Amino acid sequence: MSDEMVAGCAPERARRSGGRASRVALRAAPLAEELRPVRAGLPGGQYKPLTEAGMARIHAAALEALEVIGFGSVPPTGREILTGAGAVMGADGRVRFPRALVEDMLTKAARGITLHARDPKHDLHLTGTNVHFGTAGAAVHIVDLERNEYRDSTSADLYAAAKLAQNLDNVHFFQRAMVCRDIPDNYEMDVNTLYACCAGTAKHVGTSFSDPAHVKGCFELLHMIAGGEKKWRERPFVSNSNCFVVPPMKFAEESCRTMELCVEGGMPILLLSAGQAGATSPAPIALSIVQAVAECLAGLVYVNAMVPGHPCIFGTWPFVSDLRTGAMSGGSAEQALLTAGCGQMHQFYGLPGGAASGISDSKLPDMQAGWEQGITNVLAGLSGLNMCYEAVGMHASLLGFCLESLVMGDDILGQVMRCVRGIEVTDDKVSIEAMKQVCLGGPGHYLGSEQTLSLMQTEYIYPMVGNRMSPKEWVEAGKPELLDRAIARKNAILAKAGCMVDPEIDAAVRSAYRIHFN
């Protein structure tokens, strides 16, 4: 129904109070955080594809896999750490994890952790089924809608994506989403990746390191931004996305060394297991979850053997293969089920957890991308997954990142979080008093009623680029298209967004490091 129709049907009392103009002003006025219809950390957990018995069987199978199969390619440092904690090195070079060791480390593992942001209002409290959505990935291309092409991603693109994330309410954190392919030197690439993220947003940031030797210089950069090592350790605002495992069931030596250095430096760790069902992970959905759980349990033992209670995210990220071709299928229903099942396993252990959602296999932000991002994100949110990574912007099965899709994804995530919030049944919301006022001598409708106006901003969420015009209004407005609106909003945000690092610190960083973006 159009705004004009709403105004024409409104009772006299509502029109005298301002009518359409008052409603427009009400929609534009910022709400207090606690009144917003959606916000970071709403509790999910309504959707449970696994039964209690199913979760127990997955847990038992994971423990058996760790005890019987164990892990290969054990790095020398890891051998010392793990055997010192009670793991057993076999004659075949594999390290095995006795059940008692895993259970002991589970008691020591951190729960209810907070991922800090430079701006405390964006802190992420990973307790229970609290849900947060953000970016991640290592796309090597930008989907450039203004030029209608795929091109190499750059440090400037990453910086732009971080600035957009800072200004999109439903994107709660920003993890490195693309590779800075304009920087051939790997150390400079790691530095610029980290700084582009931190300069673009004051939300929590996730990053990776391509070589353990790069960690020291990057930590010095973080200390500069934080105002010293002590302040950094008090509120570490960057986490390390660490692929410590090469599925199936092998350690990645360089990543393990990076993980050790990050733990020493006080950085939270995303323990990331990213097998691909039917390729590097078993084809059955349940068994793929078993392998991912086993691999992340091994990482949990590794970290807690170094520093008991170090903040970790249980990062079971099994992906899906299209078994006809072997190609990744991140937007499939099977991917949605895998992610939701992993979310349940995190709750089974009471551990903060993360997994992938929102990936599209489509090359462009089209209808296919919409259904893929909508289905996988809503199941992840409803499962109560703490950290939903890769939720916005990712196309071509993680090969392409689209800034406009990031902007449109903010609308998707708003709707998803409204589903996560669910339906509150309280005395005032099921009282028939409002019905009596309308039906017994009232106007016969609820348009413009006091209850409707009071709830329009706190009970309902509205899209920023999505179009709800009538066909007549759409024609009169010049037939605006969704992608054009997304491009316009992207450009409007970037025109106003600035660097989130203090100018003096930014100057010092640029003096100490070769920064490739402006």
Protein backbone atom coordinates (compact mmCIF):
# COMPACT_ATOMS: atom_id res chain seq x y z
CA MET A 1 0.00 0.00 0.00
CA SER A 2 1.38 3.42 -0.93
CA ASP A 3 2.06 6.20 1.57
CA GLU A 4 -0.71 8.23 -0.08
CA MET A 5 -3.21 5.40 0.45
CA VAL A 6 -2.06 5.06 4.06
CA ALA A 7 -2.60 8.79 4.61
CA GLY A 8 -6.02 8.67 2.98
CA CYS A 9 -7.17 5.81 5.21
CA ALA A 10 -5.73 7.19 8.45
CA PRO A 11 -8.22 8.31 11.12
CA GLU A 12 -8.67 11.99 11.82
CA ARG A 13 -6.64 11.79 15.02
CA ALA A 14 -3.57 10.48 13.17
CA ARG A 15 -3.83 13.09 10.39
CA ARG A 16 -4.00 15.92 12.91
CA SER A 17 -0.83 14.61 14.57
CA GLY A 18 1.13 15.04 11.36
CA GLY A 19 0.11 12.18 9.05
CA ARG A 20 2.68 11.13 6.47
CA ALA A 21 5.25 13.75 7.47
CA SER A 22 5.23 12.59 11.07
CA ARG A 23 5.68 8.96 10.02
CA VAL A 24 8.57 9.85 7.72
CA ALA A 25 10.20 11.80 10.56
CA LEU A 26 9.64 8.87 12.91
CA ARG A 27 11.30 6.46 10.49
CA ALA A 28 14.27 8.79 10.03
CA ALA A 29 14.89 9.39 13.73
CA PRO A 30 17.68 7.21 15.17
CA LEU A 31 16.56 4.65 17.72
CA ALA A 32 18.29 3.82 20.97
CA GLU A 33 20.24 0.58 20.56
CA GLU A 34 17.91 -1.38 22.85
CA LEU A 35 14.84 -0.28 20.84
CA ARG A 36 16.13 -1.29 17.41
CA PRO A 37 14.17 -4.15 15.83
CA VAL A 38 17.44 -6.01 15.15
CA ARG A 39 20.95 -5.68 16.52
CA ALA A 40 24.12 -7.72 16.91
CA GLY A 41 23.98 -10.66 19.27
CA LEU A 42 20.28 -11.56 19.13
CA PRO A 43 19.86 -15.15 20.38
CA GLY A 44 19.01 -17.81 17.81
CA GLY A 45 18.74 -21.56 18.24
CA GLN A 46 15.19 -22.07 16.96
CA TYR A 47 16.29 -24.36 14.11
CA LYS A 48 17.85 -27.72 15.02
CA PRO A 49 18.56 -30.12 12.16
CA LEU A 50 20.42 -32.45 14.56
CA THR A 51 18.73 -34.34 17.39
CA GLU A 52 20.32 -34.63 20.82
CA ALA A 53 21.17 -38.25 19.99
CA GLY A 54 22.64 -37.19 16.65
CA MET A 55 24.94 -34.65 18.28
CA ALA A 56 26.11 -37.24 20.81
CA ARG A 57 26.92 -39.68 17.99
CA ILE A 58 28.86 -37.01 16.08
CA HIS A 59 30.83 -36.20 19.25
CA ALA A 60 31.63 -39.89 19.85
CA ALA A 61 32.73 -40.39 16.25
CA ALA A 62 34.97 -37.31 16.42
CA LEU A 63 36.66 -38.59 19.58
CA GLU A 64 37.16 -41.98 17.94
CA ALA A 65 38.70 -40.36 14.86
CA LEU A 66 41.15 -38.39 17.00
CA GLU A 67 42.13 -41.48 18.98
CA VAL A 68 42.35 -43.94 16.07
CA ILE A 69 43.30 -41.83 13.02
CA GLY A 70 44.97 -38.84 14.62
CA PHE A 71 46.81 -36.10 12.70
CA GLY A 72 49.64 -36.28 10.22
CA SER A 73 52.25 -33.66 9.23
CA VAL A 74 52.91 -32.68 12.85
CA PRO A 75 55.20 -29.63 13.07
CA PRO A 76 58.18 -29.96 15.44
CA THR A 77 56.83 -27.28 17.78
CA GLY A 78 53.41 -28.90 17.73
CA ARG A 79 54.88 -32.31 18.54
CA GLU A 80 56.44 -30.90 21.69
CA ILE A 81 53.32 -29.00 22.72
CA LEU A 82 50.90 -31.86 22.09
CA THR A 83 52.93 -34.74 23.51
CA GLY A 84 53.71 -32.60 26.52
CA ALA A 85 49.96 -32.36 27.11
CA GLY A 86 49.38 -36.11 26.73
CA ALA A 87 48.99 -36.77 23.01
CA VAL A 88 50.74 -39.84 21.62
CA MET A 89 53.15 -39.88 18.68
CA GLY A 90 52.83 -43.06 16.64
CA ALA A 91 55.53 -44.90 14.70
CA ASP A 92 53.69 -43.82 11.55
CA GLY A 93 54.39 -40.15 12.36
CA ARG A 94 50.80 -39.36 13.30
CA VAL A 95 49.85 -37.82 16.63
CA ARG A 96 46.80 -39.29 18.35
CA PHE A 97 44.60 -37.75 20.99
CA PRO A 98 43.37 -39.92 23.85
CA ARG A 99 39.74 -39.29 24.74
CA ALA A 100 40.69 -38.20 28.27
CA LEU A 101 43.03 -35.53 26.88
CA VAL A 102 40.34 -34.04 24.65
CA GLU A 103 37.80 -34.04 27.46
CA ASP A 104 40.29 -32.41 29.82
CA MET A 105 41.05 -29.64 27.32
CA LEU A 106 37.35 -29.07 26.77
CA THR A 107 37.06 -28.22 30.46
CA LYS A 108 39.86 -25.65 30.10
CA ALA A 109 38.62 -24.05 26.89
CA ALA A 110 37.35 -20.47 27.02
CA ARG A 111 33.62 -19.94 26.95
CA GLY A 112 31.56 -16.79 26.78
CA ILE A 113 34.37 -14.81 25.17
CA THR A 114 34.18 -11.25 23.88
CA LEU A 115 35.70 -10.28 20.56
CA HIS A 116 36.64 -6.68 21.15
CA ALA A 117 36.25 -3.81 18.72
CA ARG A 118 38.13 -0.52 18.82
CA ASP A 119 34.73 1.04 19.44
CA PRO A 120 33.30 -0.85 22.44
CA LYS A 121 29.73 -0.49 21.17
CA HIS A 122 30.68 -3.01 18.47
CA ASP A 123 32.07 -5.63 20.89
CA LEU A 124 30.83 -9.15 20.06
CA HIS A 125 29.74 -11.24 23.03
CA LEU A 126 29.98 -14.88 21.97
CA THR A 127 27.76 -16.49 24.57
CA GLY A 128 25.04 -19.06 24.13
CA THR A 129 23.28 -18.71 20.80
CA ASN A 130 24.07 -15.02 20.22
CA VAL A 131 24.29 -14.44 16.46
CA HIS A 132 26.64 -12.11 14.57
CA PHE A 133 27.11 -11.70 10.82
CA GLY A 134 30.17 -10.45 8.96
CA THR A 135 32.57 -10.91 6.09
CA ALA A 136 35.47 -13.28 5.43
CA GLY A 137 37.14 -15.08 2.58
CA ALA A 138 40.04 -14.64 0.23
CA ALA A 139 38.45 -13.58 -3.03
CA VAL A 140 40.96 -12.84 -5.77
CA HIS A 141 38.56 -10.78 -7.86
CA ILE A 142 36.28 -7.80 -7.45
CA VAL A 143 32.89 -8.03 -9.12
CA ASP A 144 32.84 -4.50 -10.51
CA LEU A 145 29.23 -3.70 -11.36
CA GLU A 146 29.94 -0.20 -12.63
CA ARG A 147 32.23 -1.69 -15.29
CA ASN A 148 30.40 -5.03 -15.47
CA GLU A 149 33.61 -7.04 -15.15
CA TYR A 150 35.69 -9.24 -12.89
CA ARG A 151 39.10 -7.75 -12.12
CA ASP A 152 41.93 -8.34 -9.65
CA SER A 153 41.12 -7.17 -6.13
CA THR A 154 43.36 -4.48 -4.63
CA SER A 155 44.22 -2.96 -1.26
CA ALA A 156 42.02 0.03 -2.16
CA ASP A 157 39.09 -2.36 -2.70
CA LEU A 158 39.68 -3.95 0.70
CA TYR A 159 39.83 -0.52 2.35
CA ALA A 160 36.57 0.46 0.62
CA ALA A 161 34.89 -2.75 1.79
CA ALA A 162 35.99 -2.08 5.38
CA LYS A 163 34.59 1.47 5.22
CA LEU A 164 31.29 0.12 3.93
CA ALA A 165 31.16 -2.48 6.71
CA GLN A 166 31.71 0.28 9.27
CA ASN A 167 28.56 2.01 8.01
CA LEU A 168 26.28 -1.00 7.54
CA ASP A 169 24.31 -1.73 10.70
CA ASN A 170 23.74 -5.43 10.08
CA VAL A 171 27.37 -6.26 9.24
CA HIS A 172 28.71 -6.80 12.74
CA PHE A 173 32.40 -7.51 12.05
CA PHE A 174 34.85 -7.30 9.19
CA GLN A 175 37.21 -10.14 8.35
CA ARG A 176 39.55 -9.84 5.40
CA ALA A 177 37.35 -10.58 2.39
CA MET A 178 39.76 -10.37 -0.52
CA VAL A 179 43.41 -10.62 -1.48
CA CYS A 180 45.38 -7.45 -2.19
CA ARG A 181 46.64 -8.55 -5.59
CA ASP A 182 48.21 -5.17 -6.33
CA ILE A 183 51.00 -5.94 -3.82
CA PRO A 184 53.51 -8.58 -5.00
CA ASP A 185 55.54 -8.66 -1.75
CA ASN A 186 53.83 -11.01 0.70
CA TYR A 187 54.92 -9.16 3.84
CA GLU A 188 53.68 -5.85 2.48
CA MET A 189 50.47 -7.60 1.46
CA ASP A 190 49.91 -8.86 5.03
CA VAL A 191 50.64 -5.41 6.48
CA ASN A 192 48.33 -3.67 4.04
CA THR A 193 45.60 -6.27 4.52
CA LEU A 194 45.67 -5.70 8.27
CA TYR A 195 45.88 -1.92 8.03
CA ALA A 196 43.20 -1.57 5.34
CA CYS A 197 40.79 -3.45 7.60
CA CYS A 198 41.66 -1.43 10.72
CA ALA A 199 41.73 1.90 8.90
CA GLY A 200 38.32 1.24 7.38
CA THR A 201 36.38 0.08 10.44
CA ALA A 202 36.35 0.27 14.23
CA LYS A 203 34.41 -3.01 14.37
CA HIS A 204 36.16 -6.27 15.20
CA VAL A 205 38.57 -7.30 12.45
CA GLY A 206 39.79 -10.72 11.34
CA THR A 207 42.95 -11.28 9.32
CA SER A 208 45.42 -13.93 8.19
CA PHE A 209 49.18 -14.05 7.79
CA SER A 210 50.83 -15.65 4.77
CA ASP A 211 54.05 -16.45 6.68
CA PRO A 212 54.88 -16.78 10.39
CA ALA A 213 57.79 -14.38 9.86
CA HIS A 214 55.28 -11.60 9.17
CA VAL A 215 53.53 -11.83 12.53
CA LYS A 216 56.07 -9.73 14.47
CA GLY A 217 55.87 -6.71 12.18
CA CYS A 218 52.08 -6.90 12.06
CA PHE A 219 51.84 -7.03 15.84
CA GLU A 220 54.03 -3.94 16.04
CA LEU A 221 51.53 -2.25 13.73
CA LEU A 222 48.66 -3.31 16.00
CA HIS A 223 50.47 -1.93 19.03
CA MET A 224 50.81 1.40 17.23
CA ILE A 225 47.08 1.50 16.49
CA ALA A 226 46.15 0.43 20.03
CA GLY A 227 48.48 2.87 21.77
CA GLY A 228 50.91 0.27 23.06
CA GLU A 229 51.18 -3.45 23.71
CA LYS A 230 49.46 -3.23 27.09
CA LYS A 231 46.38 -1.59 25.62
CA TRP A 232 46.37 -4.12 22.80
CA ARG A 233 46.41 -7.03 25.23
CA GLU A 234 43.61 -5.48 27.28
CA ARG A 235 41.33 -5.26 24.26
CA PRO A 236 42.65 -7.25 21.28
CA PHE A 237 40.50 -5.99 18.40
CA VAL A 238 41.83 -8.33 15.70
CA SER A 239 41.53 -12.12 15.55
CA ASN A 240 43.63 -14.52 13.51
CA SER A 241 41.76 -16.64 10.99
CA ASN A 242 44.00 -19.69 11.08
CA CYS A 243 43.82 -22.67 8.72
CA PHE A 244 45.93 -24.83 11.05
CA VAL A 245 44.60 -27.99 9.42
CA VAL A 246 44.86 -29.36 5.90
CA PRO A 247 41.83 -31.63 5.59
CA PRO A 248 41.65 -34.51 5.95
CA MET A 249 43.34 -34.70 9.36
CA LYS A 250 46.74 -33.15 8.74
CA PHE A 251 48.40 -30.12 10.30
CA ALA A 252 49.53 -27.14 8.22
CA GLU A 253 53.01 -26.49 9.61
CA GLU A 254 53.40 -22.78 8.78
CA SER A 255 49.88 -21.97 9.93
CA CYS A 256 50.49 -23.82 13.19
CA ARG A 257 53.59 -21.72 13.82
CA THR A 258 51.60 -18.57 13.05
CA MET A 259 48.95 -19.75 15.50
CA GLU A 260 51.57 -20.26 18.21
CA LEU A 261 52.91 -16.72 17.69
CA CYS A 262 49.43 -15.21 17.74
CA VAL A 263 48.60 -16.99 20.98
CA GLU A 264 51.83 -15.65 22.49
CA GLY A 265 50.85 -12.18 21.29
CA GLY A 266 47.39 -12.29 22.89
CA MET A 267 45.36 -12.52 19.70
CA PRO A 268 42.10 -14.54 19.62
CA ILE A 269 42.23 -17.48 17.22
CA LEU A 270 39.63 -18.69 14.76
CA LEU A 271 40.44 -22.40 14.52
CA LEU A 272 39.44 -22.94 10.92
CA SER A 273 38.74 -26.36 9.40
CA ALA A 274 37.53 -25.98 5.82
CA GLY A 275 37.14 -29.39 4.24
CA GLN A 276 35.02 -29.78 1.11
CA ALA A 277 32.43 -32.55 1.28
CA GLY A 278 33.11 -35.19 -1.33
CA ALA A 279 36.68 -33.97 -1.88
CA THR A 280 38.72 -33.23 1.26
CA SER A 281 35.87 -34.10 3.60
CA PRO A 282 33.47 -37.08 3.55
CA ALA A 283 30.39 -36.81 1.33
CA PRO A 284 27.74 -37.62 3.99
CA ILE A 285 26.70 -34.38 5.68
CA ALA A 286 26.87 -35.92 9.17
CA LEU A 287 30.32 -37.42 8.60
CA SER A 288 31.61 -34.18 7.13
CA ILE A 289 30.59 -32.53 10.42
CA VAL A 290 32.36 -35.33 12.31
CA GLN A 291 35.63 -34.59 10.52
CA ALA A 292 35.31 -30.84 11.01
CA VAL A 293 34.58 -31.30 14.71
CA ALA A 294 37.51 -33.69 15.13
CA GLU A 295 39.87 -31.28 13.39
CA CYS A 296 38.75 -28.32 15.48
CA LEU A 297 38.98 -30.36 18.67
CA ALA A 298 42.61 -31.06 17.76
CA GLY A 299 43.17 -27.32 17.36
CA LEU A 300 41.48 -26.70 20.68
CA VAL A 301 43.85 -29.14 22.38
CA TYR A 302 46.81 -27.48 20.65
CA VAL A 303 45.94 -23.96 21.81
CA ASN A 304 44.89 -24.86 25.34
CA ALA A 305 48.04 -26.91 25.80
CA MET A 306 49.93 -23.65 25.24
CA VAL A 307 47.68 -21.24 27.16
CA PRO A 308 44.67 -22.73 28.95
CA GLY A 309 41.58 -20.64 28.34
CA HIS A 310 43.02 -18.66 25.43
CA PRO A 311 40.09 -17.16 23.44
CA CYS A 312 39.29 -19.39 20.47
CA ILE A 313 36.44 -19.67 18.01
CA PHE A 314 35.52 -23.24 17.09
CA GLY A 315 35.63 -22.75 13.34
CA THR A 316 34.00 -25.77 11.74
CA TRP A 317 33.65 -24.62 8.10
CA PRO A 318 32.88 -27.69 6.00
CA PHE A 319 31.99 -26.73 2.45
CA VAL A 320 29.99 -28.58 -0.19
CA SER A 321 31.01 -29.98 -3.56
CA ASP A 322 28.73 -30.29 -6.53
CA LEU A 323 29.40 -34.01 -6.87
CA ARG A 324 28.76 -33.91 -10.63
CA THR A 325 31.79 -31.69 -11.21
CA GLY A 326 33.71 -31.42 -7.92
CA ALA A 327 33.20 -27.66 -7.94
CA MET A 328 32.43 -25.88 -4.69
CA SER A 329 28.75 -25.15 -4.05
CA GLY A 330 28.63 -22.61 -1.24
CA GLY A 331 25.07 -21.49 -1.93
CA SER A 332 23.46 -24.93 -1.76
CA ALA A 333 20.87 -26.27 0.67
CA GLU A 334 23.43 -28.83 1.77
CA GLN A 335 25.77 -25.99 2.72
CA ALA A 336 23.00 -24.41 4.78
CA LEU A 337 22.44 -27.72 6.59
CA LEU A 338 26.15 -28.23 7.22
CA THR A 339 26.49 -24.77 8.71
CA ALA A 340 23.41 -25.12 10.90
CA GLY A 341 24.57 -28.53 12.11
CA CYS A 342 27.95 -27.07 13.01
CA GLY A 343 26.18 -24.32 14.93
CA GLN A 344 24.44 -26.97 16.99
CA MET A 345 27.71 -28.78 17.71
CA HIS A 346 29.23 -25.56 19.02
CA GLN A 347 26.32 -25.35 21.46
CA PHE A 348 26.75 -29.04 22.34
CA TYR A 349 30.23 -28.16 23.61
CA GLY A 350 29.23 -24.75 24.95
CA LEU A 351 32.00 -23.20 22.86
CA PRO A 352 32.01 -19.97 20.84
CA GLY A 353 31.72 -21.06 17.23
CA GLY A 354 31.82 -19.84 13.68
CA ALA A 355 31.07 -21.19 10.22
CA ALA A 356 30.40 -20.03 6.68
CA SER A 357 27.06 -18.71 5.47
CA GLY A 358 25.86 -16.39 2.73
CA ILE A 359 28.18 -17.56 -0.04
CA SER A 360 26.75 -17.36 -3.54
CA ASP A 361 27.82 -19.47 -6.48
CA SER A 362 26.32 -16.87 -8.82
CA LYS A 363 28.78 -14.59 -10.57
CA LEU A 364 26.61 -11.50 -10.05
CA PRO A 365 24.20 -10.22 -7.37
CA ASP A 366 21.15 -11.59 -9.15
CA MET A 367 18.13 -13.70 -8.17
CA GLN A 368 20.28 -16.80 -7.69
CA ALA A 369 22.54 -14.87 -5.32
CA GLY A 370 19.49 -13.64 -3.44
CA TRP A 371 18.04 -17.06 -2.74
CA GLU A 372 21.44 -18.58 -1.92
CA GLN A 373 22.40 -15.80 0.50
CA GLY A 374 18.94 -15.68 2.03
CA ILE A 375 18.59 -19.43 2.68
CA THR A 376 22.09 -20.06 4.01
CA ASN A 377 22.12 -16.98 6.23
CA VAL A 378 18.69 -17.55 7.72
CA LEU A 379 19.46 -21.17 8.62
CA ALA A 380 22.78 -20.14 10.14
CA GLY A 381 21.10 -17.43 12.20
CA LEU A 382 18.20 -19.61 13.30
CA SER A 383 20.65 -22.32 14.37
CA GLY A 384 22.23 -19.86 16.82
CA LEU A 385 25.65 -19.76 15.15
CA ASN A 386 27.76 -17.18 17.02
CA MET A 387 29.87 -16.01 14.07
CA CYS A 388 28.43 -16.23 10.57
CA TYR A 389 31.39 -15.61 8.27
CA GLU A 390 31.36 -14.81 4.53
CA ALA A 391 27.74 -13.75 4.99
CA VAL A 392 27.76 -10.86 2.53
CA GLY A 393 29.52 -9.89 -0.68
CA MET A 394 30.88 -13.28 -1.74
CA HIS A 395 30.25 -14.57 -5.27
CA ALA A 396 31.53 -17.22 -7.66
CA SER A 397 32.01 -19.69 -4.79
CA LEU A 398 34.37 -17.30 -2.93
CA LEU A 399 36.36 -16.21 -5.98
CA GLY A 400 34.69 -12.80 -6.34
CA PHE A 401 33.76 -10.06 -3.87
CA CYS A 402 31.23 -7.37 -4.75
CA LEU A 403 30.99 -4.05 -2.90
CA GLU A 404 27.42 -3.49 -4.06
CA SER A 405 26.50 -6.98 -2.91
CA LEU A 406 27.92 -6.08 0.51
CA VAL A 407 25.52 -3.12 0.58
CA MET A 408 22.55 -5.21 -0.54
CA GLY A 409 23.57 -7.93 1.88
CA ASP A 410 22.98 -5.48 4.71
CA ASP A 411 19.30 -5.56 3.75
CA ILE A 412 19.31 -9.37 3.64
CA LEU A 413 20.94 -9.60 7.06
CA GLY A 414 18.43 -7.19 8.53
CA GLN A 415 15.61 -9.48 7.42
CA VAL A 416 17.53 -12.54 8.63
CA MET A 417 18.08 -11.04 12.07
CA ARG A 418 14.39 -10.20 12.26
CA CYS A 419 13.69 -13.90 11.74
CA VAL A 420 16.25 -14.72 14.42
CA ARG A 421 14.54 -12.36 16.84
CA GLY A 422 11.29 -14.24 16.35
CA ILE A 423 7.89 -13.39 17.78
CA GLU A 424 7.63 -12.00 21.29
CA VAL A 425 4.45 -13.07 23.06
CA THR A 426 3.93 -10.66 25.96
CA ASP A 427 0.84 -9.41 27.79
CA ASP A 428 0.73 -6.13 25.90
CA LYS A 429 1.31 -7.82 22.52
CA VAL A 430 -1.57 -10.26 22.86
CA SER A 431 -3.98 -7.92 24.63
CA ILE A 432 -7.16 -7.47 22.62
CA GLU A 433 -7.56 -3.87 23.81
CA ALA A 434 -6.32 -2.51 20.48
CA MET A 435 -8.74 -4.78 18.65
CA LYS A 436 -11.63 -3.52 20.78
CA GLN A 437 -10.73 0.10 20.05
CA VAL A 438 -10.69 -0.52 16.29
CA CYS A 439 -13.62 -2.92 15.97
CA LEU A 440 -16.09 -1.50 18.51
CA GLY A 441 -16.89 1.99 17.29
CA GLY A 442 -13.44 2.67 15.88
CA PRO A 443 -12.27 3.22 12.29
CA GLY A 444 -12.26 -0.49 11.40
CA HIS A 445 -8.54 -0.62 10.64
CA TYR A 446 -5.23 -0.24 12.47
CA LEU A 447 -3.55 2.24 10.13
CA GLY A 448 -2.44 5.25 12.11
CA SER A 449 -3.45 3.74 15.44
CA GLU A 450 -1.33 4.56 18.48
CA GLN A 451 -0.15 0.95 18.76
CA THR A 452 0.79 0.72 15.08
CA LEU A 453 2.77 3.96 15.19
CA SER A 454 4.52 2.98 18.41
CA LEU A 455 5.67 -0.35 16.95
CA MET A 456 6.51 0.63 13.38
CA GLN A 457 10.19 1.17 14.17
CA THR A 458 10.76 -1.30 17.01
CA GLU A 459 8.83 -4.32 15.69
CA TYR A 460 9.49 -3.92 11.96
CA ILE A 461 12.63 -3.48 9.87
CA TYR A 462 12.75 -1.77 6.48
CA PRO A 463 15.14 -2.27 3.56
CA MET A 464 17.55 0.50 2.59
CA VAL A 465 17.93 -0.46 -1.08
CA GLY A 466 15.13 -2.98 -1.49
CA ASN A 467 12.11 -1.54 -3.31
CA ARG A 468 8.58 -1.77 -1.90
CA MET A 469 6.94 0.78 -4.20
CA SER A 470 3.69 0.01 -5.97
CA PRO A 471 4.05 -0.44 -9.76
CA LYS A 472 2.54 3.04 -10.25
CA GLU A 473 5.01 4.66 -7.84
CA TRP A 474 7.87 2.71 -9.42
CA VAL A 475 7.00 4.03 -12.89
CA GLU A 476 6.63 7.58 -11.59
CA ALA A 477 10.03 7.30 -9.91
CA GLY A 478 11.69 6.41 -13.22
CA LYS A 479 11.68 2.61 -12.78
CA PRO A 480 14.69 2.46 -10.42
CA GLU A 481 16.59 -0.84 -10.51
CA LEU A 482 18.01 -2.57 -7.46
CA LEU A 483 21.62 -2.60 -8.62
CA ASP A 484 21.52 1.11 -9.43
CA ARG A 485 20.23 1.83 -5.93
CA ALA A 486 23.00 -0.32 -4.46
CA ILE A 487 25.66 1.49 -6.48
CA ALA A 488 24.25 4.84 -5.34
CA ARG A 489 24.24 3.84 -1.68
CA LYS A 490 27.76 2.42 -1.95
CA ASN A 491 29.05 5.66 -3.47
CA ALA A 492 27.19 7.80 -0.93
CA ILE A 493 28.72 5.88 2.00
CA LEU A 494 32.23 5.96 0.56
CA ALA A 495 31.97 9.68 -0.16
CA LYS A 496 31.49 10.35 3.55
CA ALA A 497 33.49 7.53 5.16
CA GLY A 498 36.94 8.42 6.41
CA CYS A 499 39.92 6.71 7.98
CA MET A 500 39.14 5.21 11.39
CA VAL A 501 42.70 5.64 12.65
CA ASP A 502 43.79 8.86 14.34
CA PRO A 503 45.57 11.11 11.80
CA GLU A 504 48.80 11.23 13.84
CA ILE A 505 48.89 7.45 14.17
CA ASP A 506 48.03 7.07 10.49
CA ALA A 507 50.95 9.32 9.57
CA ALA A 508 53.26 7.29 11.84
CA VAL A 509 52.08 4.03 10.30
CA ARG A 510 52.64 5.33 6.78
CA SER A 511 56.10 6.47 7.79
CA ALA A 512 57.00 3.06 9.25
CA TYR A 513 55.34 0.86 6.63
CA ARG A 514 54.74 1.02 2.90
CA ILE A 515 50.97 1.49 2.70
CA HIS A 516 49.58 1.08 -0.80
CA PHE A 517 46.12 2.66 -0.43
CA ASN A 518 44.95 6.18 0.37
